[in-house]
C-alpha atoms as a PDB file:
ATOM      1  CA  MET A   1       0.000   0.000   0.000  1.00  0.00           C
ATOM      2  CA  SER A   2       1.332   3.439  -0.914  1.00  0.00           C
ATOM      3  CA  ARG A   3       1.846   5.830   1.969  1.00  0.00           C
ATOM      4  CA  PRO A   4       0.434   9.385   1.910  1.00  0.00           C
ATOM      5  CA  PRO A   5       2.829  12.142   0.807  1.00  0.00           C
ATOM      6  CA  ASP A   6       5.126  13.451   3.530  1.00  0.00           C
ATOM      7  CA  PRO A   7       4.933  17.278   3.693  1.00  0.00           C
ATOM      8  CA  ARG A   8       8.313  17.664   5.410  1.00  0.00           C
ATOM      9  CA  PRO A   9      10.505  17.521   2.279  1.00  0.00           C
ATOM     10  CA  LEU A  10       8.701  20.562   0.893  1.00  0.00           C
ATOM     11  CA  SER A  11       9.728  22.531   3.989  1.00  0.00           C
ATOM     12  CA  PHE A  12      13.303  22.742   2.674  1.00  0.00           C
ATOM     13  CA  GLY A  13      12.271  25.570   0.353  1.00  0.00           C
ATOM     14  CA  ALA A  14      12.116  27.920   3.333  1.00  0.00           C
ATOM     15  CA  GLU A  15      15.828  27.376   4.016  1.00  0.00           C
ATOM     16  CA  ALA A  16      17.176  26.694   0.527  1.00  0.00           C
ATOM     17  CA  ALA A  17      19.992  29.239   0.903  1.00  0.00           C
ATOM     18  CA  ALA A  18      21.063  27.820   4.281  1.00  0.00           C
ATOM     19  CA  TYR A  19      20.959  24.325   2.748  1.00  0.00           C
ATOM     20  CA  GLU A  20      23.317  25.416  -0.003  1.00  0.00           C
ATOM     21  CA  ARG A  21      25.707  27.179   2.400  1.00  0.00           C
ATOM     22  CA  GLY A  22      25.837  24.509   5.087  1.00  0.00           C
ATOM     23  CA  ARG A  23      25.441  21.084   3.482  1.00  0.00           C
ATOM     24  CA  PRO A  24      28.592  19.282   2.348  1.00  0.00           C
ATOM     25  CA  SER A  25      29.243  17.889  -1.116  1.00  0.00           C
ATOM     26  CA  TYR A  26      30.114  14.243  -1.812  1.00  0.00           C
ATOM     27  CA  PRO A  27      33.547  12.588  -1.984  1.00  0.00           C
ATOM     28  CA  PRO A  28      34.741  11.557  -5.473  1.00  0.00           C
ATOM     29  CA  GLU A  29      35.316   7.971  -4.320  1.00  0.00           C
ATOM     30  CA  ALA A  30      31.620   7.650  -3.507  1.00  0.00           C
ATOM     31  CA  ILE A  31      30.542   8.932  -6.911  1.00  0.00           C
ATOM     32  CA  ASP A  32      33.061   6.677  -8.679  1.00  0.00           C
ATOM     33  CA  TRP A  33      31.563   3.654  -6.934  1.00  0.00           C
ATOM     34  CA  LEU A  34      27.955   4.594  -7.635  1.00  0.00           C
ATOM     35  CA  LEU A  35      28.262   5.323 -11.358  1.00  0.00           C
ATOM     36  CA  PRO A  36      28.300   2.423 -13.838  1.00  0.00           C
ATOM     37  CA  ASP A  37      31.133   2.179 -16.344  1.00  0.00           C
ATOM     38  CA  GLY A  38      30.419   4.164 -19.490  1.00  0.00           C
ATOM     39  CA  ALA A  39      27.543   6.166 -18.043  1.00  0.00           C
ATOM     40  CA  ARG A  40      26.632   9.201 -20.153  1.00  0.00           C
ATOM     41  CA  ASP A  41      23.139  10.301 -19.128  1.00  0.00           C
ATOM     42  CA  VAL A  42      22.461  10.585 -15.392  1.00  0.00           C
ATOM     43  CA  LEU A  43      19.433  11.667 -13.371  1.00  0.00           C
ATOM     44  CA  ASP A  44      20.033  13.361 -10.019  1.00  0.00           C
ATOM     45  CA  LEU A  45      16.696  12.621  -8.333  1.00  0.00           C
ATOM     46  CA  GLY A  46      15.868  14.871  -5.400  1.00  0.00           C
ATOM     47  CA  ALA A  47      18.670  17.133  -6.571  1.00  0.00           C
ATOM     48  CA  GLY A  48      17.995  19.973  -4.131  1.00  0.00           C
ATOM     49  CA  THR A  49      20.353  22.895  -4.681  1.00  0.00           C
ATOM     50  CA  GLY A  50      22.688  20.761  -6.785  1.00  0.00           C
ATOM     51  CA  LYS A  51      25.333  19.506  -4.349  1.00  0.00           C
ATOM     52  CA  LEU A  52      25.639  16.191  -6.189  1.00  0.00           C
ATOM     53  CA  THR A  53      24.587  17.624  -9.558  1.00  0.00           C
ATOM     54  CA  THR A  54      27.650  19.858  -9.624  1.00  0.00           C
ATOM     55  CA  ARG A  55      29.997  16.915  -9.078  1.00  0.00           C
ATOM     56  CA  LEU A  56      28.309  14.998 -11.910  1.00  0.00           C
ATOM     57  CA  VAL A  57      28.431  17.927 -14.348  1.00  0.00           C
ATOM     58  CA  GLU A  58      32.136  18.390 -13.581  1.00  0.00           C
ATOM     59  CA  ARG A  59      32.686  14.864 -14.911  1.00  0.00           C
ATOM     60  CA  GLY A  60      31.304  15.839 -18.306  1.00  0.00           C
ATOM     61  CA  LEU A  61      28.100  13.835 -17.874  1.00  0.00           C
ATOM     62  CA  ASN A  62      24.746  14.784 -19.364  1.00  0.00           C
ATOM     63  CA  VAL A  63      22.813  15.436 -16.152  1.00  0.00           C
ATOM     64  CA  PHE A  64      19.110  15.945 -15.469  1.00  0.00           C
ATOM     65  CA  ALA A  65      18.193  17.422 -12.086  1.00  0.00           C
ATOM     66  CA  VAL A  66      14.714  16.701 -10.688  1.00  0.00           C
ATOM     67  CA  ASP A  67      13.290  18.077  -7.432  1.00  0.00           C
ATOM     68  CA  PRO A  68       9.820  19.033  -6.152  1.00  0.00           C
ATOM     69  CA  ILE A  69      10.908  22.346  -4.596  1.00  0.00           C
ATOM     70  CA  PRO A  70      11.148  25.419  -6.888  1.00  0.00           C
ATOM     71  CA  GLU A  71      13.359  27.360  -4.462  1.00  0.00           C
ATOM     72  CA  MET A  72      15.931  24.581  -4.504  1.00  0.00           C
ATOM     73  CA  LEU A  73      15.949  24.366  -8.292  1.00  0.00           C
ATOM     74  CA  ASP A  74      16.294  28.162  -8.558  1.00  0.00           C
ATOM     75  CA  LEU A  75      19.594  27.956  -6.664  1.00  0.00           C
ATOM     76  CA  LEU A  76      20.708  24.973  -8.745  1.00  0.00           C
ATOM     77  CA  THR A  77      19.979  26.792 -11.989  1.00  0.00           C
ATOM     78  CA  SER A  78      21.850  29.907 -10.841  1.00  0.00           C
ATOM     79  CA  SER A  79      25.065  27.875 -10.569  1.00  0.00           C
ATOM     80  CA  LEU A  80      24.364  25.338 -13.356  1.00  0.00           C
ATOM     81  CA  PRO A  81      22.410  27.272 -16.007  1.00  0.00           C
ATOM     82  CA  GLN A  82      23.043  24.672 -18.744  1.00  0.00           C
ATOM     83  CA  THR A  83      21.705  21.741 -16.703  1.00  0.00           C
ATOM     84  CA  PRO A  84      18.028  20.808 -17.183  1.00  0.00           C
ATOM     85  CA  ALA A  85      16.313  21.438 -13.840  1.00  0.00           C
ATOM     86  CA  LEU A  86      12.855  19.869 -13.767  1.00  0.00           C
ATOM     87  CA  LEU A  87      10.075  19.984 -11.196  1.00  0.00           C
ATOM     88  CA  GLY A  88       9.072  16.450 -10.347  1.00  0.00           C
ATOM     89  CA  THR A  89       9.120  13.677  -7.789  1.00  0.00           C
ATOM     90  CA  ALA A  90      10.493  10.162  -7.490  1.00  0.00           C
ATOM     91  CA  GLU A  91       6.978   8.885  -7.986  1.00  0.00           C
ATOM     92  CA  GLU A  92       6.412  10.972 -11.138  1.00  0.00           C
ATOM     93  CA  ILE A  93       9.702  11.589 -12.948  1.00  0.00           C
ATOM     94  CA  PRO A  94       9.409  14.027 -15.880  1.00  0.00           C
ATOM     95  CA  LEU A  95      11.615  11.978 -18.240  1.00  0.00           C
ATOM     96  CA  PRO A  96      10.733   9.476 -20.990  1.00  0.00           C
ATOM     97  CA  ASP A  97      11.207   5.723 -20.775  1.00  0.00           C
ATOM     98  CA  ASP A  98      14.748   4.320 -21.115  1.00  0.00           C
ATOM     99  CA  SER A  99      16.343   7.771 -20.996  1.00  0.00           C
ATOM    100  CA  VAL A 100      19.244   7.506 -18.508  1.00  0.00           C
ATOM    101  CA  ASP A 101      22.102   5.154 -17.617  1.00  0.00           C
ATOM    102  CA  ALA A 102      21.972   5.903 -13.898  1.00  0.00           C
ATOM    103  CA  VAL A 103      19.666   7.418 -11.302  1.00  0.00           C
ATOM    104  CA  LEU A 104      21.451   8.797  -8.236  1.00  0.00           C
ATOM    105  CA  VAL A 105      19.651   9.870  -5.073  1.00  0.00           C
ATOM    106  CA  ALA A 106      21.519  11.959  -2.484  1.00  0.00           C
ATOM    107  CA  GLN A 107      20.092  12.366   1.038  1.00  0.00           C
ATOM    108  CA  ALA A 108      16.538  11.812  -0.229  1.00  0.00           C
ATOM    109  CA  TRP A 109      15.572   8.127  -0.478  1.00  0.00           C
ATOM    110  CA  HIS A 110      13.871   8.144   2.936  1.00  0.00           C
ATOM    111  CA  TRP A 111      11.416  10.766   1.655  1.00  0.00           C
ATOM    112  CA  PHE A 112      10.174   8.603  -1.228  1.00  0.00           C
ATOM    113  CA  ASP A 113       7.260   6.194  -1.504  1.00  0.00           C
ATOM    114  CA  GLU A 114       9.640   3.308  -2.155  1.00  0.00           C
ATOM    115  CA  GLU A 115       7.233   1.025  -4.019  1.00  0.00           C
ATOM    116  CA  ARG A 116       6.182   3.716  -6.486  1.00  0.00           C
ATOM    117  CA  ALA A 117       9.687   5.186  -6.769  1.00  0.00           C
ATOM    118  CA  VAL A 118      11.276   1.840  -7.670  1.00  0.00           C
ATOM    119  CA  LYS A 119       8.785   1.330 -10.503  1.00  0.00           C
ATOM    120  CA  GLU A 120       9.269   4.849 -11.822  1.00  0.00           C
ATOM    121  CA  ILE A 121      13.066   4.707 -11.627  1.00  0.00           C
ATOM    122  CA  ALA A 122      13.017   1.382 -13.475  1.00  0.00           C
ATOM    123  CA  ARG A 123      10.923   3.036 -16.187  1.00  0.00           C
ATOM    124  CA  VAL A 124      13.418   5.816 -16.924  1.00  0.00           C
ATOM    125  CA  LEU A 125      16.521   3.599 -16.668  1.00  0.00           C
ATOM    126  CA  ARG A 126      17.956   1.850 -19.697  1.00  0.00           C
ATOM    127  CA  PRO A 127      18.411  -1.938 -19.508  1.00  0.00           C
ATOM    128  CA  GLY A 128      21.282  -2.712 -17.147  1.00  0.00           C
ATOM    129  CA  GLY A 129      21.105   0.792 -15.663  1.00  0.00           C
ATOM    130  CA  ARG A 130      22.198   1.645 -12.122  1.00  0.00           C
ATOM    131  CA  LEU A 131      20.282   2.978  -9.127  1.00  0.00           C
ATOM    132  CA  GLY A 132      22.600   4.551  -6.566  1.00  0.00           C
ATOM    133  CA  LEU A 133      21.830   6.056  -3.172  1.00  0.00           C
ATOM    134  CA  VAL A 134      24.181   8.180  -1.083  1.00  0.00           C
ATOM    135  CA  TRP A 135      24.033   9.755   2.372  1.00  0.00           C
ATOM    136  CA  ASN A 136      26.539  11.910   4.236  1.00  0.00           C
ATOM    137  CA  ASN A 137      26.285  10.977   7.927  1.00  0.00           C
ATOM    138  CA  ARG A 138      28.236  12.807  10.602  1.00  0.00           C
ATOM    139  CA  ASP A 139      30.784  10.528  12.263  1.00  0.00           C
ATOM    140  CA  GLU A 140      29.693  10.826  15.889  1.00  0.00           C
ATOM    141  CA  ARG A 141      32.184   8.381  17.367  1.00  0.00           C
ATOM    142  CA  LEU A 142      34.448  11.066  18.813  1.00  0.00           C
ATOM    143  CA  GLY A 143      34.664  14.490  20.407  1.00  0.00           C
ATOM    144  CA  TRP A 144      32.599  17.500  19.607  1.00  0.00           C
ATOM    145  CA  VAL A 145      30.597  15.797  16.853  1.00  0.00           C
ATOM    146  CA  LYS A 146      29.157  13.426  19.438  1.00  0.00           C
ATOM    147  CA  ASP A 147      28.250  16.417  21.609  1.00  0.00           C
ATOM    148  CA  LEU A 148      26.646  18.123  18.615  1.00  0.00           C
ATOM    149  CA  GLY A 149      24.438  15.053  18.184  1.00  0.00           C
ATOM    150  CA  LYS A 150      23.189  15.473  21.744  1.00  0.00           C
ATOM    151  CA  VAL A 151      22.037  18.975  20.805  1.00  0.00           C
ATOM    152  CA  ILE A 152      20.496  18.435  17.366  1.00  0.00           C
ATOM    153  CA  GLY A 153      19.711  14.708  17.348  1.00  0.00           C
ATOM    154  CA  HIS A 154      21.909  11.784  16.438  1.00  0.00           C
ATOM    155  CA  GLU A 155      22.524  10.550  12.915  1.00  0.00           C
ATOM    156  CA  VAL A 156      21.541   7.171  11.550  1.00  0.00           C
ATOM    157  CA  ASP A 157      24.340   4.713  12.314  1.00  0.00           C
ATOM    158  CA  PRO A 158      26.226   4.615   8.992  1.00  0.00           C
ATOM    159  CA  PHE A 159      27.812   1.277   9.820  1.00  0.00           C
ATOM    160  CA  SER A 160      24.432  -0.478   9.867  1.00  0.00           C
ATOM    161  CA  GLN A 161      22.502   1.661   7.367  1.00  0.00           C
ATOM    162  CA  MET A 162      21.224  -0.414   4.443  1.00  0.00           C
ATOM    163  CA  VAL A 163      18.465  -0.456   1.823  1.00  0.00           C
ATOM    164  CA  GLU A 164      17.332  -3.649   0.131  1.00  0.00           C
ATOM    165  CA  PHE A 165      15.747  -2.938  -3.244  1.00  0.00           C
ATOM    166  CA  THR A 166      12.813  -4.877  -4.630  1.00  0.00           C
ATOM    167  CA  ALA A 167      12.513  -6.293  -8.145  1.00  0.00           C
ATOM    168  CA  PRO A 168      13.392  -5.434 -10.873  1.00  0.00           C
ATOM    169  CA  PHE A 169      16.689  -4.446  -9.201  1.00  0.00           C
ATOM    170  CA  ALA A 170      19.420  -6.918  -8.380  1.00  0.00           C
ATOM    171  CA  GLU A 171      20.909  -7.437  -4.941  1.00  0.00           C
ATOM    172  CA  SER A 172      21.996  -4.284  -3.124  1.00  0.00           C
ATOM    173  CA  GLN A 173      25.675  -3.557  -2.501  1.00  0.00           C
ATOM    174  CA  ARG A 174      27.074  -1.121   0.065  1.00  0.00           C
ATOM    175  CA  HIS A 175      30.257   0.926   0.299  1.00  0.00           C
ATOM    176  CA  LEU A 176      31.447   3.370   2.985  1.00  0.00           C
ATOM    177  CA  VAL A 177      33.727   6.382   2.528  1.00  0.00           C
ATOM    178  CA  GLU A 178      35.226   8.140   5.554  1.00  0.00           C
ATOM    179  CA  TRP A 179      36.281  11.731   4.942  1.00  0.00           C
ATOM    180  CA  THR A 180      36.362  15.206   6.499  1.00  0.00           C
ATOM    181  CA  SER A 181      34.503  18.370   5.550  1.00  0.00           C
ATOM    182  CA  TYR A 182      36.061  21.707   6.476  1.00  0.00           C
ATOM    183  CA  LEU A 183      33.630  24.511   7.246  1.00  0.00           C
ATOM    184  CA  THR A 184      33.210  27.745   9.157  1.00  0.00           C
ATOM    185  CA  PRO A 185      31.231  28.080  12.411  1.00  0.00           C
ATOM    186  CA  GLN A 186      28.503  29.925  10.499  1.00  0.00           C
ATOM    187  CA  ALA A 187      28.293  27.101   7.971  1.00  0.00           C
ATOM    188  CA  LEU A 188      27.691  24.662  10.840  1.00  0.00           C
ATOM    189  CA  ILE A 189      24.790  26.824  12.019  1.00  0.00           C
ATOM    190  CA  ASP A 190      23.449  26.874   8.448  1.00  0.00           C
ATOM    191  CA  LEU A 191      23.764  23.078   8.298  1.00  0.00           C
ATOM    192  CA  VAL A 192      21.626  22.733  11.422  1.00  0.00           C
ATOM    193  CA  ALA A 193      19.147  25.376  10.255  1.00  0.00           C
ATOM    194  CA  SER A 194      18.627  23.487   6.983  1.00  0.00           C
ATOM    195  CA  ARG A 195      17.598  20.197   8.616  1.00  0.00           C
ATOM    196  CA  SER A 196      13.907  19.361   8.254  1.00  0.00           C
ATOM    197  CA  TYR A 197      13.264  18.920  11.978  1.00  0.00           C
ATOM    198  CA  CYS A 198      14.697  22.380  12.654  1.00  0.00           C
ATOM    199  CA  ILE A 199      12.755  24.030   9.834  1.00  0.00           C
ATOM    200  CA  THR A 200       9.451  22.502  10.909  1.00  0.00           C
ATOM    201  CA  SER A 201       9.890  23.077  14.657  1.00  0.00           C
ATOM    202  CA  PRO A 202       8.008  25.897  16.382  1.00  0.00           C
ATOM    203  CA  GLU A 203      10.003  29.126  16.247  1.00  0.00           C
ATOM    204  CA  GLN A 204      10.843  28.968  19.956  1.00  0.00           C
ATOM    205  CA  VAL A 205      12.249  25.435  19.626  1.00  0.00           C
ATOM    206  CA  ARG A 206      14.171  26.339  16.481  1.00  0.00           C
ATOM    207  CA  THR A 207      15.709  29.398  18.147  1.00  0.00           C
ATOM    208  CA  ARG A 208      16.677  27.395  21.242  1.00  0.00           C
ATOM    209  CA  THR A 209      18.325  24.683  19.129  1.00  0.00           C
ATOM    210  CA  LEU A 210      20.410  27.162  17.148  1.00  0.00           C
ATOM    211  CA  ASP A 211      21.387  29.001  20.350  1.00  0.00           C
ATOM    212  CA  ARG A 212      22.609  25.688  21.836  1.00  0.00           C
ATOM    213  CA  VAL A 213      24.739  25.121  18.728  1.00  0.00           C
ATOM    214  CA  ARG A 214      26.219  28.610  19.097  1.00  0.00           C
ATOM    215  CA  ASP A 215      26.938  27.879  22.755  1.00  0.00           C
ATOM    216  CA  LEU A 216      28.706  24.644  21.792  1.00  0.00           C
ATOM    217  CA  LEU A 217      30.814  26.572  19.284  1.00  0.00           C
ATOM    218  CA  ALA A 218      31.742  29.140  21.925  1.00  0.00           C
ATOM    219  CA  THR A 219      32.506  26.790  24.816  1.00  0.00           C
ATOM    220  CA  HIS A 220      33.694  23.401  23.555  1.00  0.00           C
ATOM    221  CA  PRO A 221      37.500  23.147  23.942  1.00  0.00           C
ATOM    222  CA  ALA A 222      37.905  21.848  20.379  1.00  0.00           C
ATOM    223  CA  LEU A 223      35.800  24.658  18.886  1.00  0.00           C
ATOM    224  CA  ALA A 224      36.156  27.835  20.951  1.00  0.00           C
ATOM    225  CA  ASN A 225      37.918  30.676  19.139  1.00  0.00           C
ATOM    226  CA  SER A 226      38.243  28.557  15.997  1.00  0.00           C
ATOM    227  CA  SER A 227      37.539  30.060  12.589  1.00  0.00           C
ATOM    228  CA  GLY A 228      37.496  26.657  10.878  1.00  0.00           C
ATOM    229  CA  LEU A 229      35.989  23.302  11.826  1.00  0.00           C
ATOM    230  CA  ALA A 230      36.848  19.772  10.727  1.00  0.00           C
ATOM    231  CA  LEU A 231      33.618  17.767  10.560  1.00  0.00           C
ATOM    232  CA  PRO A 232      34.170  14.025   9.948  1.00  0.00           C
ATOM    233  CA  TYR A 233      31.648  12.128   7.818  1.00  0.00           C
ATOM    234  CA  VAL A 234      30.913   8.568   6.877  1.00  0.00           C
ATOM    235  CA  THR A 235      29.324   8.543   3.438  1.00  0.00           C
ATOM    236  CA  VAL A 236      27.061   5.549   2.854  1.00  0.00           C
ATOM    237  CA  CYS A 237      26.695   4.396  -0.770  1.00  0.00           C
ATOM    238  CA  ILE A 238      24.197   1.743  -1.903  1.00  0.00           C
ATOM    239  CA  ARG A 239      23.779   0.556  -5.481  1.00  0.00           C
ATOM    240  CA  ALA A 240      21.807  -1.974  -7.513  1.00  0.00           C
ATOM    241  CA  THR A 241      21.468  -2.795 -11.218  1.00  0.00           C
ATOM    242  CA  LEU A 242      18.256  -3.016 -13.231  1.00  0.00           C
ATOM    243  CA  THR A 243      17.778  -6.610 -14.313  1.00  0.00           C
END
């Protein structure tokens, strides 16, 4: 049975600029692993402001960006004016049948109606095409990142995170990439402000959360008086091939 649409993804439009400033990109190793050999045409589904789209365009690929939020696509188009940016969803992709070699989904699979999305992704993929999912999860095993999780909520455990696809996709494979993002204190605040739970919280709760992040930045021994932060990530990659 299909689930009703979740309104929370649409809330990102209110903080599209903060999303672009604060969210990290994706490590090249992760993209290498997700893309099939010889891929030319790629769909970035749930493209947002174009964090992953940019990395794909830089590789000389023919990229289509699809997202349901106009404000996100406006920012994507401002930086990638030659890339087709289309309003659409995973359940209704505005592309013809057999049109792409790969569909990549960054930070968005959990928002989709999986049953409908799998059928629609299979429709737009060419035979033997690749579905790839990717998430950047903060590495909360050590230090201030663990304390940040106590303030804003803990991440999914990247070392157990998995998605098993249904037919017509073959068995899922998983790959982890550990890396570090370097950002300013303000970018960390933007990262928190762009999270759906923060956007949709009552204003008083949102303000209190951001104030607690500022207090952590001002008082934690590893962060106080620092103009640059090293934020460790574990990027989770999952892929499957259309059979």
